[in-house]
Amino acid sequence: MPRCRTAGIPVKLTSETIEWEPGTRMGFRSIKPGRPVIGVARHLFEPCSEGTLYTWSMEFVPTAIGGRLIAGVSAAVLGRNALAQGERVRRVLEAAVSPIPSPP
């Protein structure tokens, strides 16, 4: 059962697998808590000339009063976090492949 913080509030999540095609795709839907929104995550893996193209998408489905607002805020926060995480991964990967400087 994953745990996270939403606006500083600890939340326990339960999700179910809704798609599973090893090496190609997987999808999950939150089932607890079921209000005020349900989150649906999809992960796609596609071969490309550089290796593998990974796409992660999230959808938030309002299920109760206030759900539209929570869905919009959740999408904005996760979008910002995804961009920051992508930047961190880029820096780590670039550092891993940077040539080692020669001694003077």
PDB file of N, CA and C in Angstrom:
ATOM      1  N   MET A   1       0.847  -1.166   0.000  1.00  0.00           N
ATOM      2  CA  MET A   1       0.000   0.000   0.000  1.00  0.00           C
ATOM      3  C   MET A   1       0.896   1.234   0.000  1.00  0.00           C
ATOM      4  N   PRO A   2       0.988   1.922  -1.133  1.00  0.00           N
ATOM      5  CA  PRO A   2       1.825   3.126  -1.199  1.00  0.00           C
ATOM      6  C   PRO A   2       1.314   4.224  -0.270  1.00  0.00           C
ATOM      7  N   ARG A   3       2.244   5.009   0.188  1.00  0.00           N
ATOM      8  CA  ARG A   3       1.914   6.166   1.017  1.00  0.00           C
ATOM      9  C   ARG A   3       2.503   7.392   0.360  1.00  0.00           C
ATOM     10  N   CYS A   4       1.795   8.497   0.502  1.00  0.00           N
ATOM     11  CA  CYS A   4       2.294   9.758  -0.039  1.00  0.00           C
ATOM     12  C   CYS A   4       1.758  10.886   0.822  1.00  0.00           C
ATOM     13  N   ARG A   5       2.161  12.081   0.490  1.00  0.00           N
ATOM     14  CA  ARG A   5       1.636  13.264   1.169  1.00  0.00           C
ATOM     15  C   ARG A   5       0.956  14.132   0.118  1.00  0.00           C
ATOM     16  N   THR A   6      -0.249  14.553   0.419  1.00  0.00           N
ATOM     17  CA  THR A   6      -0.984  15.466  -0.441  1.00  0.00           C
ATOM     18  C   THR A   6      -1.244  16.720   0.359  1.00  0.00           C
ATOM     19  N   ALA A   7      -0.652  17.822  -0.090  1.00  0.00           N
ATOM     20  CA  ALA A   7      -0.746  19.093   0.636  1.00  0.00           C
ATOM     21  C   ALA A   7      -0.310  18.916   2.084  1.00  0.00           C
ATOM     22  N   GLY A   8       0.718  18.058   2.289  1.00  0.00           N
ATOM     23  CA  GLY A   8       1.253  17.833   3.622  1.00  0.00           C
ATOM     24  C   GLY A   8       0.478  16.814   4.443  1.00  0.00           C
ATOM     25  N   ILE A   9      -0.631  16.301   3.900  1.00  0.00           N
ATOM     26  CA  ILE A   9      -1.464  15.342   4.628  1.00  0.00           C
ATOM     27  C   ILE A   9      -1.076  13.925   4.198  1.00  0.00           C
ATOM     28  N   PRO A  10      -0.706  13.048   5.150  1.00  0.00           N
ATOM     29  CA  PRO A  10      -0.362  11.670   4.777  1.00  0.00           C
ATOM     30  C   PRO A  10      -1.583  10.925   4.210  1.00  0.00           C
ATOM     31  N   VAL A  11      -1.374  10.211   3.119  1.00  0.00           N
ATOM     32  CA  VAL A  11      -2.447   9.471   2.465  1.00  0.00           C
ATOM     33  C   VAL A  11      -1.951   8.059   2.160  1.00  0.00           C
ATOM     34  N   LYS A  12      -2.765   7.051   2.446  1.00  0.00           N
ATOM     35  CA  LYS A  12      -2.490   5.669   2.056  1.00  0.00           C
ATOM     36  C   LYS A  12      -3.328   5.375   0.825  1.00  0.00           C
ATOM     37  N   LEU A  13      -2.705   4.781  -0.179  1.00  0.00           N
ATOM     38  CA  LEU A  13      -3.384   4.513  -1.443  1.00  0.00           C
ATOM     39  C   LEU A  13      -3.433   3.018  -1.728  1.00  0.00           C
ATOM     40  N   THR A  14      -4.507   2.577  -2.329  1.00  0.00           N
ATOM     41  CA  THR A  14      -4.609   1.221  -2.849  1.00  0.00           C
ATOM     42  C   THR A  14      -4.984   1.351  -4.314  1.00  0.00           C
ATOM     43  N   SER A  15      -4.291   0.603  -5.175  1.00  0.00           N
ATOM     44  CA  SER A  15      -4.614   0.666  -6.594  1.00  0.00           C
ATOM     45  C   SER A  15      -4.748  -0.743  -7.145  1.00  0.00           C
ATOM     46  N   GLU A  16      -5.355  -0.825  -8.329  1.00  0.00           N
ATOM     47  CA  GLU A  16      -5.493  -2.106  -9.005  1.00  0.00           C
ATOM     48  C   GLU A  16      -4.862  -1.997 -10.386  1.00  0.00           C
ATOM     49  N   THR A  17      -4.351  -3.106 -10.862  1.00  0.00           N
ATOM     50  CA  THR A  17      -3.767  -3.156 -12.198  1.00  0.00           C
ATOM     51  C   THR A  17      -4.903  -3.263 -13.206  1.00  0.00           C
ATOM     52  N   ILE A  18      -4.908  -2.362 -14.186  1.00  0.00           N
ATOM     53  CA  ILE A  18      -5.959  -2.377 -15.201  1.00  0.00           C
ATOM     54  C   ILE A  18      -5.426  -2.724 -16.593  1.00  0.00           C
ATOM     55  N   GLU A  19      -4.107  -2.642 -16.749  1.00  0.00           N
ATOM     56  CA  GLU A  19      -3.459  -3.035 -18.011  1.00  0.00           C
ATOM     57  C   GLU A  19      -2.140  -3.693 -17.658  1.00  0.00           C
ATOM     58  N   TRP A  20      -1.797  -4.764 -18.367  1.00  0.00           N
ATOM     59  CA  TRP A  20      -0.512  -5.397 -18.121  1.00  0.00           C
ATOM     60  C   TRP A  20      -0.089  -6.142 -19.372  1.00  0.00           C
ATOM     61  N   GLU A  21       0.888  -5.597 -20.041  1.00  0.00           N
ATOM     62  CA  GLU A  21       1.476  -6.231 -21.210  1.00  0.00           C
ATOM     63  C   GLU A  21       2.984  -6.091 -21.029  1.00  0.00           C
ATOM     64  N   PRO A  22       3.638  -7.116 -20.449  1.00  0.00           N
ATOM     65  CA  PRO A  22       5.058  -7.000 -20.084  1.00  0.00           C
ATOM     66  C   PRO A  22       5.924  -6.458 -21.219  1.00  0.00           C
ATOM     67  N   GLY A  23       6.734  -5.465 -20.862  1.00  0.00           N
ATOM     68  CA  GLY A  23       7.636  -4.849 -21.818  1.00  0.00           C
ATOM     69  C   GLY A  23       6.996  -3.821 -22.727  1.00  0.00           C
ATOM     70  N   THR A  24       5.675  -3.664 -22.653  1.00  0.00           N
ATOM     71  CA  THR A  24       4.974  -2.748 -23.552  1.00  0.00           C
ATOM     72  C   THR A  24       4.153  -1.698 -22.810  1.00  0.00           C
ATOM     73  N   ARG A  25       3.315  -2.149 -21.868  1.00  0.00           N
ATOM     74  CA  ARG A  25       2.437  -1.209 -21.177  1.00  0.00           C
ATOM     75  C   ARG A  25       1.991  -1.762 -19.835  1.00  0.00           C
ATOM     76  N   MET A  26       1.654  -0.832 -18.946  1.00  0.00           N
ATOM     77  CA  MET A  26       1.000  -1.190 -17.695  1.00  0.00           C
ATOM     78  C   MET A  26       0.135  -0.016 -17.266  1.00  0.00           C
ATOM     79  N   GLY A  27      -0.934  -0.317 -16.570  1.00  0.00           N
ATOM     80  CA  GLY A  27      -1.844   0.725 -16.118  1.00  0.00           C
ATOM     81  C   GLY A  27      -2.390   0.393 -14.751  1.00  0.00           C
ATOM     82  N   PHE A  28      -2.617   1.425 -13.961  1.00  0.00           N
ATOM     83  CA  PHE A  28      -3.120   1.275 -12.602  1.00  0.00           C
ATOM     84  C   PHE A  28      -4.216   2.295 -12.348  1.00  0.00           C
ATOM     85  N   ARG A  29      -5.182   1.918 -11.510  1.00  0.00           N
ATOM     86  CA  ARG A  29      -6.264   2.829 -11.114  1.00  0.00           C
ATOM     87  C   ARG A  29      -6.353   2.792  -9.596  1.00  0.00           C
ATOM     88  N   SER A  30      -6.444   3.976  -8.991  1.00  0.00           N
ATOM     89  CA  SER A  30      -6.608   4.023  -7.539  1.00  0.00           C
ATOM     90  C   SER A  30      -8.024   3.573  -7.186  1.00  0.00           C
ATOM     91  N   ILE A  31      -8.130   2.807  -6.097  1.00  0.00           N
ATOM     92  CA  ILE A  31      -9.449   2.371  -5.653  1.00  0.00           C
ATOM     93  C   ILE A  31      -9.744   2.816  -4.218  1.00  0.00           C
ATOM     94  N   LYS A  32      -8.705   3.102  -3.449  1.00  0.00           N
ATOM     95  CA  LYS A  32      -8.885   3.644  -2.097  1.00  0.00           C
ATOM     96  C   LYS A  32      -7.847   4.713  -1.875  1.00  0.00           C
ATOM     97  N   PRO A  33      -8.152   5.890  -1.453  1.00  0.00           N
ATOM     98  CA  PRO A  33      -9.520   6.376  -1.315  1.00  0.00           C
ATOM     99  C   PRO A  33     -10.151   6.596  -2.682  1.00  0.00           C
ATOM    100  N   GLY A  34     -11.462   6.443  -2.743  1.00  0.00           N
ATOM    101  CA  GLY A  34     -12.181   6.599  -4.009  1.00  0.00           C
ATOM    102  C   GLY A  34     -12.810   7.969  -4.181  1.00  0.00           C
ATOM    103  N   ARG A  35     -12.631   8.832  -3.199  1.00  0.00           N
ATOM    104  CA  ARG A  35     -13.200  10.182  -3.268  1.00  0.00           C
ATOM    105  C   ARG A  35     -12.186  11.185  -2.784  1.00  0.00           C
ATOM    106  N   PRO A  36     -12.107  12.322  -3.271  1.00  0.00           N
ATOM    107  CA  PRO A  36     -12.948  12.980  -4.270  1.00  0.00           C
ATOM    108  C   PRO A  36     -12.487  12.742  -5.702  1.00  0.00           C
ATOM    109  N   VAL A  37     -11.352  12.029  -5.888  1.00  0.00           N
ATOM    110  CA  VAL A  37     -10.896  11.716  -7.253  1.00  0.00           C
ATOM    111  C   VAL A  37     -10.320  10.308  -7.291  1.00  0.00           C
ATOM    112  N   ILE A  38     -10.325   9.743  -8.483  1.00  0.00           N
ATOM    113  CA  ILE A  38      -9.635   8.485  -8.749  1.00  0.00           C
ATOM    114  C   ILE A  38      -8.520   8.817  -9.727  1.00  0.00           C
ATOM    115  N   GLY A  39      -7.343   8.291  -9.462  1.00  0.00           N
ATOM    116  CA  GLY A  39      -6.215   8.500 -10.361  1.00  0.00           C
ATOM    117  C   GLY A  39      -6.004   7.284 -11.242  1.00  0.00           C
ATOM    118  N   VAL A  40      -5.725   7.513 -12.511  1.00  0.00           N
ATOM    119  CA  VAL A  40      -5.413   6.447 -13.459  1.00  0.00           C
ATOM    120  C   VAL A  40      -4.043   6.749 -14.048  1.00  0.00           C
ATOM    121  N   ALA A  41      -3.113   5.810 -13.882  1.00  0.00           N
ATOM    122  CA  ALA A  41      -1.747   5.978 -14.397  1.00  0.00           C
ATOM    123  C   ALA A  41      -1.500   4.956 -15.495  1.00  0.00           C
ATOM    124  N   ARG A  42      -0.859   5.414 -16.557  1.00  0.00           N
ATOM    125  CA  ARG A  42      -0.486   4.512 -17.654  1.00  0.00           C
ATOM    126  C   ARG A  42       0.996   4.703 -17.962  1.00  0.00           C
ATOM    127  N   HIS A  43       1.671   3.589 -18.185  1.00  0.00           N
ATOM    128  CA  HIS A  43       3.101   3.584 -18.509  1.00  0.00           C
ATOM    129  C   HIS A  43       3.268   2.821 -19.817  1.00  0.00           C
ATOM    130  N   LEU A  44       3.877   3.467 -20.805  1.00  0.00           N
ATOM    131  CA  LEU A  44       4.106   2.846 -22.114  1.00  0.00           C
ATOM    132  C   LEU A  44       5.598   2.772 -22.387  1.00  0.00           C
ATOM    133  N   PHE A  45       6.040   1.666 -22.978  1.00  0.00           N
ATOM    134  CA  PHE A  45       7.438   1.460 -23.336  1.00  0.00           C
ATOM    135  C   PHE A  45       7.485   1.127 -24.821  1.00  0.00           C
ATOM    136  N   GLU A  46       8.144   2.005 -25.593  1.00  0.00           N
ATOM    137  CA  GLU A  46       8.195   1.815 -27.040  1.00  0.00           C
ATOM    138  C   GLU A  46       9.648   1.830 -27.504  1.00  0.00           C
ATOM    139  N   PRO A  47      10.026   0.859 -28.343  1.00  0.00           N
ATOM    140  CA  PRO A  47      11.390   0.871 -28.861  1.00  0.00           C
ATOM    141  C   PRO A  47      11.616   2.096 -29.744  1.00  0.00           C
ATOM    142  N   CYS A  48      12.810   2.655 -29.671  1.00  0.00           N
ATOM    143  CA  CYS A  48      13.203   3.749 -30.546  1.00  0.00           C
ATOM    144  C   CYS A  48      14.688   3.594 -30.838  1.00  0.00           C
ATOM    145  N   SER A  49      15.205   4.388 -31.754  1.00  0.00           N
ATOM    146  CA  SER A  49      16.600   4.226 -32.181  1.00  0.00           C
ATOM    147  C   SER A  49      17.591   4.430 -31.036  1.00  0.00           C
ATOM    148  N   GLU A  50      17.226   5.217 -30.017  1.00  0.00           N
ATOM    149  CA  GLU A  50      18.131   5.473 -28.893  1.00  0.00           C
ATOM    150  C   GLU A  50      17.967   4.457 -27.769  1.00  0.00           C
ATOM    151  N   GLY A  51      16.980   3.568 -27.867  1.00  0.00           N
ATOM    152  CA  GLY A  51      16.745   2.594 -26.800  1.00  0.00           C
ATOM    153  C   GLY A  51      15.256   2.383 -26.598  1.00  0.00           C
ATOM    154  N   THR A  52      14.712   2.972 -25.551  1.00  0.00           N
ATOM    155  CA  THR A  52      13.296   2.824 -25.242  1.00  0.00           C
ATOM    156  C   THR A  52      12.700   4.183 -24.913  1.00  0.00           C
ATOM    157  N   LEU A  53      11.562   4.469 -25.500  1.00  0.00           N
ATOM    158  CA  LEU A  53      10.817   5.686 -25.177  1.00  0.00           C
ATOM    159  C   LEU A  53       9.809   5.316 -24.095  1.00  0.00           C
ATOM    160  N   TYR A  54       9.902   5.987 -22.960  1.00  0.00           N
ATOM    161  CA  TYR A  54       9.011   5.733 -21.828  1.00  0.00           C
ATOM    162  C   TYR A  54       8.044   6.901 -21.708  1.00  0.00           C
ATOM    163  N   THR A  55       6.749   6.608 -21.680  1.00  0.00           N
ATOM    164  CA  THR A  55       5.726   7.631 -21.512  1.00  0.00           C
ATOM    165  C   THR A  55       4.880   7.288 -20.299  1.00  0.00           C
ATOM    166  N   TRP A  56       4.755   8.257 -19.409  1.00  0.00           N
ATOM    167  CA  TRP A  56       3.921   8.096 -18.211  1.00  0.00           C
ATOM    168  C   TRP A  56       2.818   9.132 -18.302  1.00  0.00           C
ATOM    169  N   SER A  57       1.571   8.697 -18.168  1.00  0.00           N
ATOM    170  CA  SER A  57       0.466   9.646 -18.173  1.00  0.00           C
ATOM    171  C   SER A  57      -0.428   9.392 -16.966  1.00  0.00           C
ATOM    172  N   MET A  58      -1.047  10.470 -16.495  1.00  0.00           N
ATOM    173  CA  MET A  58      -1.961  10.399 -15.358  1.00  0.00           C
ATOM    174  C   MET A  58      -3.266  11.073 -15.750  1.00  0.00           C
ATOM    175  N   GLU A  59      -4.352  10.502 -15.290  1.00  0.00           N
ATOM    176  CA  GLU A  59      -5.676  11.092 -15.475  1.00  0.00           C
ATOM    177  C   GLU A  59      -6.336  11.099 -14.099  1.00  0.00           C
ATOM    178  N   PHE A  60      -7.014  12.182 -13.770  1.00  0.00           N
ATOM    179  CA  PHE A  60      -7.724  12.281 -12.500  1.00  0.00           C
ATOM    180  C   PHE A  60      -9.209  12.422 -12.794  1.00  0.00           C
ATOM    181  N   VAL A  61      -9.999  11.492 -12.266  1.00  0.00           N
ATOM    182  CA  VAL A  61     -11.428  11.452 -12.527  1.00  0.00           C
ATOM    183  C   VAL A  61     -12.169  11.891 -11.265  1.00  0.00           C
ATOM    184  N   PRO A  62     -12.893  13.027 -11.321  1.00  0.00           N
ATOM    185  CA  PRO A  62     -13.649  13.477 -10.155  1.00  0.00           C
ATOM    186  C   PRO A  62     -14.743  12.464  -9.799  1.00  0.00           C
ATOM    187  N   THR A  63     -14.920  12.189  -8.498  1.00  0.00           N
ATOM    188  CA  THR A  63     -15.938  11.237  -8.054  1.00  0.00           C
ATOM    189  C   THR A  63     -16.838  11.817  -6.965  1.00  0.00           C
ATOM    190  N   ALA A  64     -16.595  13.041  -6.541  1.00  0.00           N
ATOM    191  CA  ALA A  64     -17.401  13.640  -5.477  1.00  0.00           C
ATOM    192  C   ALA A  64     -17.307  15.158  -5.577  1.00  0.00           C
ATOM    193  N   ILE A  65     -18.067  15.820  -4.732  1.00  0.00           N
ATOM    194  CA  ILE A  65     -18.031  17.277  -4.681  1.00  0.00           C
ATOM    195  C   ILE A  65     -16.599  17.717  -4.386  1.00  0.00           C
ATOM    196  N   GLY A  66     -16.139  18.692  -5.128  1.00  0.00           N
ATOM    197  CA  GLY A  66     -14.770  19.185  -4.969  1.00  0.00           C
ATOM    198  C   GLY A  66     -13.761  18.406  -5.790  1.00  0.00           C
ATOM    199  N   GLY A  67     -14.229  17.340  -6.426  1.00  0.00           N
ATOM    200  CA  GLY A  67     -13.329  16.488  -7.198  1.00  0.00           C
ATOM    201  C   GLY A  67     -12.681  17.182  -8.381  1.00  0.00           C
ATOM    202  N   ARG A  68     -13.434  18.059  -9.061  1.00  0.00           N
ATOM    203  CA  ARG A  68     -12.862  18.773 -10.211  1.00  0.00           C
ATOM    204  C   ARG A  68     -11.702  19.656  -9.772  1.00  0.00           C
ATOM    205  N   LEU A  69     -11.889  20.339  -8.654  1.00  0.00           N
ATOM    206  CA  LEU A  69     -10.831  21.201  -8.131  1.00  0.00           C
ATOM    207  C   LEU A  69      -9.619  20.366  -7.722  1.00  0.00           C
ATOM    208  N   ILE A  70      -9.852  19.298  -6.978  1.00  0.00           N
ATOM    209  CA  ILE A  70      -8.760  18.426  -6.531  1.00  0.00           C
ATOM    210  C   ILE A  70      -8.054  17.807  -7.745  1.00  0.00           C
ATOM    211  N   ALA A  71      -8.824  17.388  -8.759  1.00  0.00           N
ATOM    212  CA  ALA A  71      -8.223  16.798  -9.962  1.00  0.00           C
ATOM    213  C   ALA A  71      -7.317  17.805 -10.656  1.00  0.00           C
ATOM    214  N   GLY A  72      -7.778  19.051 -10.779  1.00  0.00           N
ATOM    215  CA  GLY A  72      -6.965  20.083 -11.427  1.00  0.00           C
ATOM    216  C   GLY A  72      -5.691  20.379 -10.655  1.00  0.00           C
ATOM    217  N   VAL A  73      -5.815  20.492  -9.353  1.00  0.00           N
ATOM    218  CA  VAL A  73      -4.639  20.758  -8.517  1.00  0.00           C
ATOM    219  C   VAL A  73      -3.679  19.568  -8.573  1.00  0.00           C
ATOM    220  N   SER A  74      -4.212  18.353  -8.486  1.00  0.00           N
ATOM    221  CA  SER A  74      -3.370  17.151  -8.537  1.00  0.00           C
ATOM    222  C   SER A  74      -2.607  17.073  -9.857  1.00  0.00           C
ATOM    223  N   ALA A  75      -3.288  17.355 -10.960  1.00  0.00           N
ATOM    224  CA  ALA A  75      -2.637  17.319 -12.273  1.00  0.00           C
ATOM    225  C   ALA A  75      -1.517  18.350 -12.348  1.00  0.00           C
ATOM    226  N   ALA A  76      -1.768  19.546 -11.842  1.00  0.00           N
ATOM    227  CA  ALA A  76      -0.744  20.596 -11.881  1.00  0.00           C
ATOM    228  C   ALA A  76       0.464  20.229 -11.025  1.00  0.00           C
ATOM    229  N   VAL A  77       0.216  19.738  -9.824  1.00  0.00           N
ATOM    230  CA  VAL A  77       1.315  19.375  -8.910  1.00  0.00           C
ATOM    231  C   VAL A  77       2.117  18.211  -9.474  1.00  0.00           C
ATOM    232  N   LEU A  78       1.432  17.161  -9.942  1.00  0.00           N
ATOM    233  CA  LEU A  78       2.155  16.015 -10.502  1.00  0.00           C
ATOM    234  C   LEU A  78       2.896  16.389 -11.778  1.00  0.00           C
ATOM    235  N   GLY A  79       2.317  17.269 -12.580  1.00  0.00           N
ATOM    236  CA  GLY A  79       3.007  17.730 -13.785  1.00  0.00           C
ATOM    237  C   GLY A  79       4.295  18.446 -13.445  1.00  0.00           C
ATOM    238  N   ARG A  80       4.233  19.320 -12.452  1.00  0.00           N
ATOM    239  CA  ARG A  80       5.431  20.042 -12.010  1.00  0.00           C
ATOM    240  C   ARG A  80       6.466  19.063 -11.446  1.00  0.00           C
ATOM    241  N   ASN A  81       6.011  18.103 -10.644  1.00  0.00           N
ATOM    242  CA  ASN A  81       6.927  17.109 -10.088  1.00  0.00           C
ATOM    243  C   ASN A  81       7.565  16.254 -11.178  1.00  0.00           C
ATOM    244  N   ALA A  82       6.774  15.880 -12.198  1.00  0.00           N
ATOM    245  CA  ALA A  82       7.311  15.061 -13.291  1.00  0.00           C
ATOM    246  C   ALA A  82       8.398  15.814 -14.057  1.00  0.00           C
ATOM    247  N   LEU A  83       8.185  17.100 -14.305  1.00  0.00           N
ATOM    248  CA  LEU A  83       9.210  17.900 -14.994  1.00  0.00           C
ATOM    249  C   LEU A  83      10.487  17.977 -14.157  1.00  0.00           C
ATOM    250  N   ALA A  84      10.341  18.197 -12.855  1.00  0.00           N
ATOM    251  CA  ALA A  84      11.508  18.277 -11.972  1.00  0.00           C
ATOM    252  C   ALA A  84      12.228  16.936 -11.913  1.00  0.00           C
ATOM    253  N   GLN A  85      11.475  15.846 -11.848  1.00  0.00           N
ATOM    254  CA  GLN A  85      12.087  14.519 -11.817  1.00  0.00           C
ATOM    255  C   GLN A  85      12.817  14.239 -13.127  1.00  0.00           C
ATOM    256  N   GLY A  86      12.219  14.603 -14.247  1.00  0.00           N
ATOM    257  CA  GLY A  86      12.880  14.422 -15.542  1.00  0.00           C
ATOM    258  C   GLY A  86      14.187  15.189 -15.619  1.00  0.00           C
ATOM    259  N   GLU A  87      14.204  16.394 -15.080  1.00  0.00           N
ATOM    260  CA  GLU A  87      15.430  17.196 -15.060  1.00  0.00           C
ATOM    261  C   GLU A  87      16.497  16.535 -14.195  1.00  0.00           C
ATOM    262  N   ARG A  88      16.102  15.997 -13.038  1.00  0.00           N
ATOM    263  CA  ARG A  88      17.068  15.302 -12.178  1.00  0.00           C
ATOM    264  C   ARG A  88      17.635  14.078 -12.878  1.00  0.00           C
ATOM    265  N   VAL A  89      16.783  13.310 -13.547  1.00  0.00           N
ATOM    266  CA  VAL A  89      17.245  12.122 -14.271  1.00  0.00           C
ATOM    267  C   VAL A  89      18.200  12.535 -15.388  1.00  0.00           C
ATOM    268  N   ARG A  90      17.864  13.607 -16.123  1.00  0.00           N
ATOM    269  CA  ARG A  90      18.737  14.078 -17.199  1.00  0.00           C
ATOM    270  C   ARG A  90      20.119  14.423 -16.664  1.00  0.00           C
ATOM    271  N   ARG A  91      20.176  15.145 -15.538  1.00  0.00           N
ATOM    272  CA  ARG A  91      21.471  15.525 -14.965  1.00  0.00           C
ATOM    273  C   ARG A  91      22.282  14.296 -14.544  1.00  0.00           C
ATOM    274  N   VAL A  92      21.621  13.321 -13.944  1.00  0.00           N
ATOM    275  CA  VAL A  92      22.315  12.101 -13.513  1.00  0.00           C
ATOM    276  C   VAL A  92      22.851  11.346 -14.726  1.00  0.00           C
ATOM    277  N   LEU A  93      22.028  11.215 -15.758  1.00  0.00           N
ATOM    278  CA  LEU A  93      22.470  10.486 -16.951  1.00  0.00           C
ATOM    279  C   LEU A  93      23.597  11.218 -17.671  1.00  0.00           C
ATOM    280  N   GLU A  94      23.488  12.535 -17.768  1.00  0.00           N
ATOM    281  CA  GLU A  94      24.561  13.293 -18.417  1.00  0.00           C
ATOM    282  C   GLU A  94      25.859  13.172 -17.629  1.00  0.00           C
ATOM    283  N   ALA A  95      25.785  13.190 -16.319  1.00  0.00           N
ATOM    284  CA  ALA A  95      26.982  13.052 -15.496  1.00  0.00           C
ATOM    285  C   ALA A  95      27.592  11.656 -15.667  1.00  0.00           C
ATOM    286  N   ALA A  96      26.745  10.648 -15.858  1.00  0.00           N
ATOM    287  CA  ALA A  96      27.226   9.278 -16.000  1.00  0.00           C
ATOM    288  C   ALA A  96      27.954   9.058 -17.313  1.00  0.00           C
ATOM    289  N   VAL A  97      27.617   9.815 -18.349  1.00  0.00           N
ATOM    290  CA  VAL A  97      28.252   9.610 -19.648  1.00  0.00           C
ATOM    291  C   VAL A  97      29.257  10.702 -19.994  1.00  0.00           C
ATOM    292  N   SER A  98      29.435  11.662 -19.101  1.00  0.00           N
ATOM    293  CA  SER A  98      30.409  12.725 -19.366  1.00  0.00           C
ATOM    294  C   SER A  98      31.810  12.138 -19.334  1.00  0.00           C
ATOM    295  N   PRO A  99      32.661  12.566 -20.266  1.00  0.00           N
ATOM    296  CA  PRO A  99      34.021  12.064 -20.254  1.00  0.00           C
ATOM    297  C   PRO A  99      34.743  12.528 -18.988  1.00  0.00           C
ATOM    298  N   ILE A 100      35.591  11.647 -18.503  1.00  0.00           N
ATOM    299  CA  ILE A 100      36.387  11.979 -17.318  1.00  0.00           C
ATOM    300  C   ILE A 100      37.516  12.902 -17.770  1.00  0.00           C
ATOM    301  N   PRO A 101      37.661  14.058 -17.098  1.00  0.00           N
ATOM    302  CA  PRO A 101      38.718  14.973 -17.510  1.00  0.00           C
ATOM    303  C   PRO A 101      40.103  14.336 -17.337  1.00  0.00           C
ATOM    304  N   SER A 102      40.981  14.636 -18.295  1.00  0.00           N
ATOM    305  CA  SER A 102      42.358  14.137 -18.206  1.00  0.00           C
ATOM    306  C   SER A 102      43.120  14.935 -17.171  1.00  0.00           C
ATOM    307  N   PRO A 103      44.038  14.281 -16.469  1.00  0.00           N
ATOM    308  CA  PRO A 103      44.856  15.048 -15.512  1.00  0.00           C
ATOM    309  C   PRO A 103      45.731  16.054 -16.242  1.00  0.00           C
ATOM    310  N   PRO A 104      46.001  17.193 -15.595  1.00  0.00           N
ATOM    311  CA  PRO A 104      46.804  18.230 -16.274  1.00  0.00           C
ATOM    312  C   PRO A 104      48.225  17.820 -16.506  1.00  0.00           C
TER     313      PRO A 104
END
